[in-house]
Amino acid sequence: MKVTHPFLKLTGFGANPREEFERRLRYLDENVRGLLKLASTEEDRRRVLEALDRAISVFKGESPAPSLNSGGADSAP
C-alpha cells in the first residue's frame, strides 16, 4: 500500500522499505510523546485513546484502513 501525505513528507516507501518502516515507526513514537504533552484534559486523552484504538483495529485486521479522502483530518477542505 502506498501512502501519500505531502504535509508530513510521507509520500511512499522510499528506496529502502525497511528504513522507511523504521523512520515511520520513530515518527509514530514521536507523535505519541507529543500528544502526551498536549493532552491536557480527560476529553483530550479520551480522543487520543479512541484514535489509537482505531489504528490498532486496522493493524489487527478488525477494520479497514481509512481512505485518505474520507473527510478526516488528512483531507483537504
PDB file of N, CA and C in Angstrom:
ATOM      1  N   MET A   1       0.843  -1.170   0.000  1.00  0.00           N
ATOM      2  CA  MET A   1       0.000   0.000   0.000  1.00  0.00           C
ATOM      3  C   MET A   1       0.889   1.233   0.000  1.00  0.00           C
ATOM      4  N   LYS A   2       0.634   2.142  -0.880  1.00  0.00           N
ATOM      5  CA  LYS A   2       1.389   3.392  -0.941  1.00  0.00           C
ATOM      6  C   LYS A   2       0.592   4.488  -0.260  1.00  0.00           C
ATOM      7  N   VAL A   3       1.234   5.186   0.646  1.00  0.00           N
ATOM      8  CA  VAL A   3       0.608   6.277   1.372  1.00  0.00           C
ATOM      9  C   VAL A   3       1.189   7.580   0.851  1.00  0.00           C
ATOM     10  N   THR A   4       0.316   8.544   0.597  1.00  0.00           N
ATOM     11  CA  THR A   4       0.784   9.859   0.161  1.00  0.00           C
ATOM     12  C   THR A   4       0.243  10.896   1.122  1.00  0.00           C
ATOM     13  N   HIS A   5       1.123  11.600   1.770  1.00  0.00           N
ATOM     14  CA  HIS A   5       0.736  12.656   2.694  1.00  0.00           C
ATOM     15  C   HIS A   5       1.822  13.725   2.637  1.00  0.00           C
ATOM     16  N   PRO A   6       1.765  14.627   1.619  1.00  0.00           N
ATOM     17  CA  PRO A   6       2.842  15.582   1.392  1.00  0.00           C
ATOM     18  C   PRO A   6       3.153  16.477   2.589  1.00  0.00           C
ATOM     19  N   PHE A   7       2.148  16.866   3.374  1.00  0.00           N
ATOM     20  CA  PHE A   7       2.398  17.743   4.512  1.00  0.00           C
ATOM     21  C   PHE A   7       3.370  17.103   5.493  1.00  0.00           C
ATOM     22  N   LEU A   8       3.253  15.789   5.691  1.00  0.00           N
ATOM     23  CA  LEU A   8       4.133  15.075   6.615  1.00  0.00           C
ATOM     24  C   LEU A   8       5.331  14.473   5.909  1.00  0.00           C
ATOM     25  N   LYS A   9       5.432  14.701   4.627  1.00  0.00           N
ATOM     26  CA  LYS A   9       6.502  14.156   3.795  1.00  0.00           C
ATOM     27  C   LYS A   9       6.493  12.625   3.785  1.00  0.00           C
ATOM     28  N   LEU A  10       5.291  12.049   3.893  1.00  0.00           N
ATOM     29  CA  LEU A  10       5.111  10.609   3.789  1.00  0.00           C
ATOM     30  C   LEU A  10       4.557  10.341   2.396  1.00  0.00           C
ATOM     31  N   THR A  11       5.442  10.155   1.433  1.00  0.00           N
ATOM     32  CA  THR A  11       4.998  10.081   0.042  1.00  0.00           C
ATOM     33  C   THR A  11       5.347   8.754  -0.620  1.00  0.00           C
ATOM     34  N   GLY A  12       5.457   7.709   0.133  1.00  0.00           N
ATOM     35  CA  GLY A  12       5.760   6.415  -0.461  1.00  0.00           C
ATOM     36  C   GLY A  12       6.658   5.619   0.436  1.00  0.00           C
ATOM     37  N   PHE A  13       7.246   4.582  -0.086  1.00  0.00           N
ATOM     38  CA  PHE A  13       8.050   3.690   0.719  1.00  0.00           C
ATOM     39  C   PHE A  13       9.520   4.060   0.743  1.00  0.00           C
ATOM     40  N   GLY A  14       9.977   4.924  -0.130  1.00  0.00           N
ATOM     41  CA  GLY A  14      11.384   5.271  -0.170  1.00  0.00           C
ATOM     42  C   GLY A  14      12.192   4.191  -0.864  1.00  0.00           C
ATOM     43  N   ALA A  15      13.480   4.416  -0.960  1.00  0.00           N
ATOM     44  CA  ALA A  15      14.359   3.491  -1.667  1.00  0.00           C
ATOM     45  C   ALA A  15      14.521   2.186  -0.906  1.00  0.00           C
ATOM     46  N   ASN A  16      14.510   2.240   0.410  1.00  0.00           N
ATOM     47  CA  ASN A  16      14.693   1.054   1.228  1.00  0.00           C
ATOM     48  C   ASN A  16      13.465   0.884   2.117  1.00  0.00           C
ATOM     49  N   PRO A  17      12.590  -0.084   1.821  1.00  0.00           N
ATOM     50  CA  PRO A  17      11.356  -0.241   2.604  1.00  0.00           C
ATOM     51  C   PRO A  17      11.608  -0.447   4.097  1.00  0.00           C
ATOM     52  N   ARG A  18      12.678  -1.145   4.475  1.00  0.00           N
ATOM     53  CA  ARG A  18      12.950  -1.374   5.900  1.00  0.00           C
ATOM     54  C   ARG A  18      13.307  -0.063   6.596  1.00  0.00           C
ATOM     55  N   GLU A  19      14.143   0.745   5.958  1.00  0.00           N
ATOM     56  CA  GLU A  19      14.494   2.048   6.531  1.00  0.00           C
ATOM     57  C   GLU A  19      13.261   2.936   6.641  1.00  0.00           C
ATOM     58  N   GLU A  20      12.404   2.888   5.631  1.00  0.00           N
ATOM     59  CA  GLU A  20      11.166   3.680   5.652  1.00  0.00           C
ATOM     60  C   GLU A  20      10.270   3.223   6.796  1.00  0.00           C
ATOM     61  N   PHE A  21      10.167   1.913   6.993  1.00  0.00           N
ATOM     62  CA  PHE A  21       9.382   1.376   8.105  1.00  0.00           C
ATOM     63  C   PHE A  21       9.912   1.910   9.437  1.00  0.00           C
ATOM     64  N   GLU A  22      11.221   1.819   9.640  1.00  0.00           N
ATOM     65  CA  GLU A  22      11.831   2.282  10.889  1.00  0.00           C
ATOM     66  C   GLU A  22      11.624   3.782  11.084  1.00  0.00           C
ATOM     67  N   ARG A  23      11.749   4.556  10.005  1.00  0.00           N
ATOM     68  CA  ARG A  23      11.534   6.005  10.080  1.00  0.00           C
ATOM     69  C   ARG A  23      10.105   6.328  10.497  1.00  0.00           C
ATOM     70  N   ARG A  24       9.152   5.634   9.909  1.00  0.00           N
ATOM     71  CA  ARG A  24       7.749   5.903  10.239  1.00  0.00           C
ATOM     72  C   ARG A  24       7.404   5.432  11.645  1.00  0.00           C
ATOM     73  N   LEU A  25       8.022   4.357  12.100  1.00  0.00           N
ATOM     74  CA  LEU A  25       7.795   3.895  13.460  1.00  0.00           C
ATOM     75  C   LEU A  25       8.329   4.917  14.464  1.00  0.00           C
ATOM     76  N   ARG A  26       9.502   5.490  14.183  1.00  0.00           N
ATOM     77  CA  ARG A  26      10.038   6.562  15.038  1.00  0.00           C
ATOM     78  C   ARG A  26       9.098   7.772  15.023  1.00  0.00           C
ATOM     79  N   TYR A  27       8.555   8.085  13.843  1.00  0.00           N
ATOM     80  CA  TYR A  27       7.612   9.200  13.710  1.00  0.00           C
ATOM     81  C   TYR A  27       6.380   8.951  14.592  1.00  0.00           C
ATOM     82  N   LEU A  28       5.882   7.718  14.581  1.00  0.00           N
ATOM     83  CA  LEU A  28       4.733   7.371  15.408  1.00  0.00           C
ATOM     84  C   LEU A  28       5.062   7.559  16.890  1.00  0.00           C
ATOM     85  N   ASP A  29       6.217   7.067  17.316  1.00  0.00           N
ATOM     86  CA  ASP A  29       6.635   7.229  18.713  1.00  0.00           C
ATOM     87  C   ASP A  29       6.727   8.702  19.101  1.00  0.00           C
ATOM     88  N   GLU A  30       7.304   9.514  18.218  1.00  0.00           N
ATOM     89  CA  GLU A  30       7.434  10.948  18.497  1.00  0.00           C
ATOM     90  C   GLU A  30       6.067  11.609  18.625  1.00  0.00           C
ATOM     91  N   ASN A  31       5.129  11.195  17.802  1.00  0.00           N
ATOM     92  CA  ASN A  31       3.785  11.764  17.869  1.00  0.00           C
ATOM     93  C   ASN A  31       3.073  11.363  19.151  1.00  0.00           C
ATOM     94  N   VAL A  32       3.259  10.144  19.596  1.00  0.00           N
ATOM     95  CA  VAL A  32       2.646   9.716  20.851  1.00  0.00           C
ATOM     96  C   VAL A  32       3.184  10.566  21.998  1.00  0.00           C
ATOM     97  N   ARG A  33       4.501  10.773  22.041  1.00  0.00           N
ATOM     98  CA  ARG A  33       5.082  11.616  23.095  1.00  0.00           C
ATOM     99  C   ARG A  33       4.552  13.043  23.004  1.00  0.00           C
ATOM    100  N   GLY A  34       4.417  13.564  21.795  1.00  0.00           N
ATOM    101  CA  GLY A  34       3.875  14.909  21.620  1.00  0.00           C
ATOM    102  C   GLY A  34       2.433  15.021  22.076  1.00  0.00           C
ATOM    103  N   LEU A  35       1.638  14.003  21.768  1.00  0.00           N
ATOM    104  CA  LEU A  35       0.242  14.013  22.211  1.00  0.00           C
ATOM    105  C   LEU A  35       0.143  13.951  23.727  1.00  0.00           C
ATOM    106  N   LEU A  36       1.023  13.191  24.361  1.00  0.00           N
ATOM    107  CA  LEU A  36       1.019  13.129  25.825  1.00  0.00           C
ATOM    108  C   LEU A  36       1.257  14.512  26.429  1.00  0.00           C
ATOM    109  N   LYS A  37       2.129  15.283  25.809  1.00  0.00           N
ATOM    110  CA  LYS A  37       2.417  16.626  26.312  1.00  0.00           C
ATOM    111  C   LYS A  37       1.241  17.576  26.086  1.00  0.00           C
ATOM    112  N   LEU A  38       0.514  17.383  24.982  1.00  0.00           N
ATOM    113  CA  LEU A  38      -0.560  18.313  24.616  1.00  0.00           C
ATOM    114  C   LEU A  38      -1.925  17.955  25.199  1.00  0.00           C
ATOM    115  N   ALA A  39      -2.145  16.698  25.527  1.00  0.00           N
ATOM    116  CA  ALA A  39      -3.455  16.259  26.030  1.00  0.00           C
ATOM    117  C   ALA A  39      -3.613  16.756  27.466  1.00  0.00           C
ATOM    118  N   SER A  40      -4.314  17.858  27.634  1.00  0.00           N
ATOM    119  CA  SER A  40      -4.403  18.490  28.950  1.00  0.00           C
ATOM    120  C   SER A  40      -5.699  18.184  29.692  1.00  0.00           C
ATOM    121  N   THR A  41      -6.663  17.570  29.008  1.00  0.00           N
ATOM    122  CA  THR A  41      -7.944  17.273  29.661  1.00  0.00           C
ATOM    123  C   THR A  41      -8.290  15.798  29.474  1.00  0.00           C
ATOM    124  N   GLU A  42      -9.253  15.349  30.259  1.00  0.00           N
ATOM    125  CA  GLU A  42      -9.740  13.971  30.100  1.00  0.00           C
ATOM    126  C   GLU A  42     -10.318  13.761  28.704  1.00  0.00           C
ATOM    127  N   GLU A  43     -10.984  14.774  28.170  1.00  0.00           N
ATOM    128  CA  GLU A  43     -11.544  14.691  26.812  1.00  0.00           C
ATOM    129  C   GLU A  43     -10.431  14.512  25.792  1.00  0.00           C
ATOM    130  N   ASP A  44      -9.334  15.245  25.932  1.00  0.00           N
ATOM    131  CA  ASP A  44      -8.185  15.078  25.030  1.00  0.00           C
ATOM    132  C   ASP A  44      -7.666  13.650  25.087  1.00  0.00           C
ATOM    133  N   ARG A  45      -7.466  13.145  26.303  1.00  0.00           N
ATOM    134  CA  ARG A  45      -6.941  11.781  26.468  1.00  0.00           C
ATOM    135  C   ARG A  45      -7.901  10.749  25.884  1.00  0.00           C
ATOM    136  N   ARG A  46      -9.210  10.965  26.061  1.00  0.00           N
ATOM    137  CA  ARG A  46     -10.207  10.049  25.505  1.00  0.00           C
ATOM    138  C   ARG A  46     -10.103  10.023  23.980  1.00  0.00           C
ATOM    139  N   ARG A  47      -9.960  11.203  23.379  1.00  0.00           N
ATOM    140  CA  ARG A  47      -9.867  11.275  21.913  1.00  0.00           C
ATOM    141  C   ARG A  47      -8.603  10.594  21.397  1.00  0.00           C
ATOM    142  N   VAL A  48      -7.485  10.765  22.114  1.00  0.00           N
ATOM    143  CA  VAL A  48      -6.254  10.091  21.717  1.00  0.00           C
ATOM    144  C   VAL A  48      -6.440   8.580  21.808  1.00  0.00           C
ATOM    145  N   LEU A  49      -7.024   8.104  22.901  1.00  0.00           N
ATOM    146  CA  LEU A  49      -7.249   6.662  23.057  1.00  0.00           C
ATOM    147  C   LEU A  49      -8.166   6.114  21.968  1.00  0.00           C
ATOM    148  N   GLU A  50      -9.187   6.871  21.593  1.00  0.00           N
ATOM    149  CA  GLU A  50     -10.073   6.432  20.508  1.00  0.00           C
ATOM    150  C   GLU A  50      -9.309   6.322  19.193  1.00  0.00           C
ATOM    151  N   ALA A  51      -8.467   7.304  18.908  1.00  0.00           N
ATOM    152  CA  ALA A  51      -7.680   7.263  17.672  1.00  0.00           C
ATOM    153  C   ALA A  51      -6.715   6.076  17.688  1.00  0.00           C
ATOM    154  N   LEU A  52      -6.078   5.832  18.818  1.00  0.00           N
ATOM    155  CA  LEU A  52      -5.175   4.685  18.929  1.00  0.00           C
ATOM    156  C   LEU A  52      -5.936   3.367  18.794  1.00  0.00           C
ATOM    157  N   ASP A  53      -7.123   3.281  19.398  1.00  0.00           N
ATOM    158  CA  ASP A  53      -7.942   2.073  19.260  1.00  0.00           C
ATOM    159  C   ASP A  53      -8.297   1.807  17.799  1.00  0.00           C
ATOM    160  N   ARG A  54      -8.641   2.882  17.054  1.00  0.00           N
ATOM    161  CA  ARG A  54      -8.952   2.707  15.628  1.00  0.00           C
ATOM    162  C   ARG A  54      -7.724   2.191  14.876  1.00  0.00           C
ATOM    163  N   ALA A  55      -6.553   2.769  15.160  1.00  0.00           N
ATOM    164  CA  ALA A  55      -5.330   2.340  14.481  1.00  0.00           C
ATOM    165  C   ALA A  55      -4.998   0.887  14.818  1.00  0.00           C
ATOM    166  N   ILE A  56      -5.154   0.511  16.069  1.00  0.00           N
ATOM    167  CA  ILE A  56      -4.886  -0.871  16.477  1.00  0.00           C
ATOM    168  C   ILE A  56      -5.842  -1.825  15.782  1.00  0.00           C
ATOM    169  N   SER A  57      -7.108  -1.442  15.659  1.00  0.00           N
ATOM    170  CA  SER A  57      -8.086  -2.291  14.965  1.00  0.00           C
ATOM    171  C   SER A  57      -7.693  -2.528  13.517  1.00  0.00           C
ATOM    172  N   VAL A  58      -7.161  -1.499  12.866  1.00  0.00           N
ATOM    173  CA  VAL A  58      -6.716  -1.639  11.477  1.00  0.00           C
ATOM    174  C   VAL A  58      -5.554  -2.617  11.406  1.00  0.00           C
ATOM    175  N   PHE A  59      -4.580  -2.477  12.298  1.00  0.00           N
ATOM    176  CA  PHE A  59      -3.412  -3.361  12.279  1.00  0.00           C
ATOM    177  C   PHE A  59      -3.776  -4.798  12.617  1.00  0.00           C
ATOM    178  N   LYS A  60      -4.794  -4.986  13.436  1.00  0.00           N
ATOM    179  CA  LYS A  60      -5.232  -6.342  13.767  1.00  0.00           C
ATOM    180  C   LYS A  60      -6.118  -6.927  12.670  1.00  0.00           C
ATOM    181  N   GLY A  61      -6.492  -6.108  11.695  1.00  0.00           N
ATOM    182  CA  GLY A  61      -7.364  -6.570  10.624  1.00  0.00           C
ATOM    183  C   GLY A  61      -8.828  -6.583  11.005  1.00  0.00           C
ATOM    184  N   GLU A  62      -9.175  -5.916  12.088  1.00  0.00           N
ATOM    185  CA  GLU A  62     -10.552  -5.884  12.563  1.00  0.00           C
ATOM    186  C   GLU A  62     -11.396  -4.820  11.868  1.00  0.00           C
ATOM    187  N   SER A  63     -10.749  -3.861  11.220  1.00  0.00           N
ATOM    188  CA  SER A  63     -11.479  -2.837  10.480  1.00  0.00           C
ATOM    189  C   SER A  63     -10.602  -2.385   9.316  1.00  0.00           C
ATOM    190  N   PRO A  64     -11.223  -1.872   8.252  1.00  0.00           N
ATOM    191  CA  PRO A  64     -10.443  -1.435   7.089  1.00  0.00           C
ATOM    192  C   PRO A  64      -9.674  -0.153   7.378  1.00  0.00           C
ATOM    193  N   ALA A  65      -8.582   0.023   6.670  1.00  0.00           N
ATOM    194  CA  ALA A  65      -7.811   1.258   6.786  1.00  0.00           C
ATOM    195  C   ALA A  65      -8.647   2.407   6.247  1.00  0.00           C
ATOM    196  N   PRO A  66      -8.624   3.558   6.913  1.00  0.00           N
ATOM    197  CA  PRO A  66      -9.395   4.704   6.416  1.00  0.00           C
ATOM    198  C   PRO A  66      -8.826   5.209   5.103  1.00  0.00           C
ATOM    199  N   SER A  67      -9.710   5.679   4.250  1.00  0.00           N
ATOM    200  CA  SER A  67      -9.299   6.268   2.975  1.00  0.00           C
ATOM    201  C   SER A  67      -8.693   7.632   3.235  1.00  0.00           C
ATOM    202  N   LEU A  68      -7.697   7.995   2.443  1.00  0.00           N
ATOM    203  CA  LEU A  68      -7.107   9.324   2.574  1.00  0.00           C
ATOM    204  C   LEU A  68      -8.095  10.415   2.196  1.00  0.00           C
ATOM    205  N   ASN A  69      -9.151  10.062   1.483  1.00  0.00           N
ATOM    206  CA  ASN A  69     -10.153  11.044   1.050  1.00  0.00           C
ATOM    207  C   ASN A  69     -11.481  10.832   1.770  1.00  0.00           C
ATOM    208  N   SER A  70     -11.426  10.340   3.009  1.00  0.00           N
ATOM    209  CA  SER A  70     -12.646  10.020   3.730  1.00  0.00           C
ATOM    210  C   SER A  70     -13.240  11.197   4.487  1.00  0.00           C
ATOM    211  N   GLY A  71     -12.622  12.380   4.366  1.00  0.00           N
ATOM    212  CA  GLY A  71     -13.153  13.545   5.055  1.00  0.00           C
ATOM    213  C   GLY A  71     -12.566  13.734   6.433  1.00  0.00           C
ATOM    214  N   GLY A  72     -11.538  12.978   6.780  1.00  0.00           N
ATOM    215  CA  GLY A  72     -10.906  13.101   8.085  1.00  0.00           C
ATOM    216  C   GLY A  72      -9.893  14.237   8.088  1.00  0.00           C
ATOM    217  N   ALA A  73      -9.013  14.208   9.071  1.00  0.00           N
ATOM    218  CA  ALA A  73      -8.038  15.285   9.232  1.00  0.00           C
ATOM    219  C   ALA A  73      -7.078  15.381   8.066  1.00  0.00           C
ATOM    220  N   ASP A  74      -6.922  14.281   7.319  1.00  0.00           N
ATOM    221  CA  ASP A  74      -5.963  14.280   6.223  1.00  0.00           C
ATOM    222  C   ASP A  74      -6.516  14.859   4.935  1.00  0.00           C
ATOM    223  N   SER A  75      -7.816  15.094   4.861  1.00  0.00           N
ATOM    224  CA  SER A  75      -8.361  15.566   3.591  1.00  0.00           C
ATOM    225  C   SER A  75      -8.423  17.073   3.539  1.00  0.00           C
ATOM    226  N   ALA A  76      -8.362  17.537   2.325  1.00  0.00           N
ATOM    227  CA  ALA A  76      -8.442  18.989   2.103  1.00  0.00           C
ATOM    228  C   ALA A  76      -9.868  19.450   2.258  1.00  0.00           C
ATOM    229  N   PRO A  77     -10.090  20.674   2.701  1.00  0.00           N
ATOM    230  CA  PRO A  77     -11.472  21.198   2.875  1.00  0.00           C
ATOM    231  C   PRO A  77     -12.172  21.366   1.561  1.00  0.00           C
TER     232      PRO A  77
END
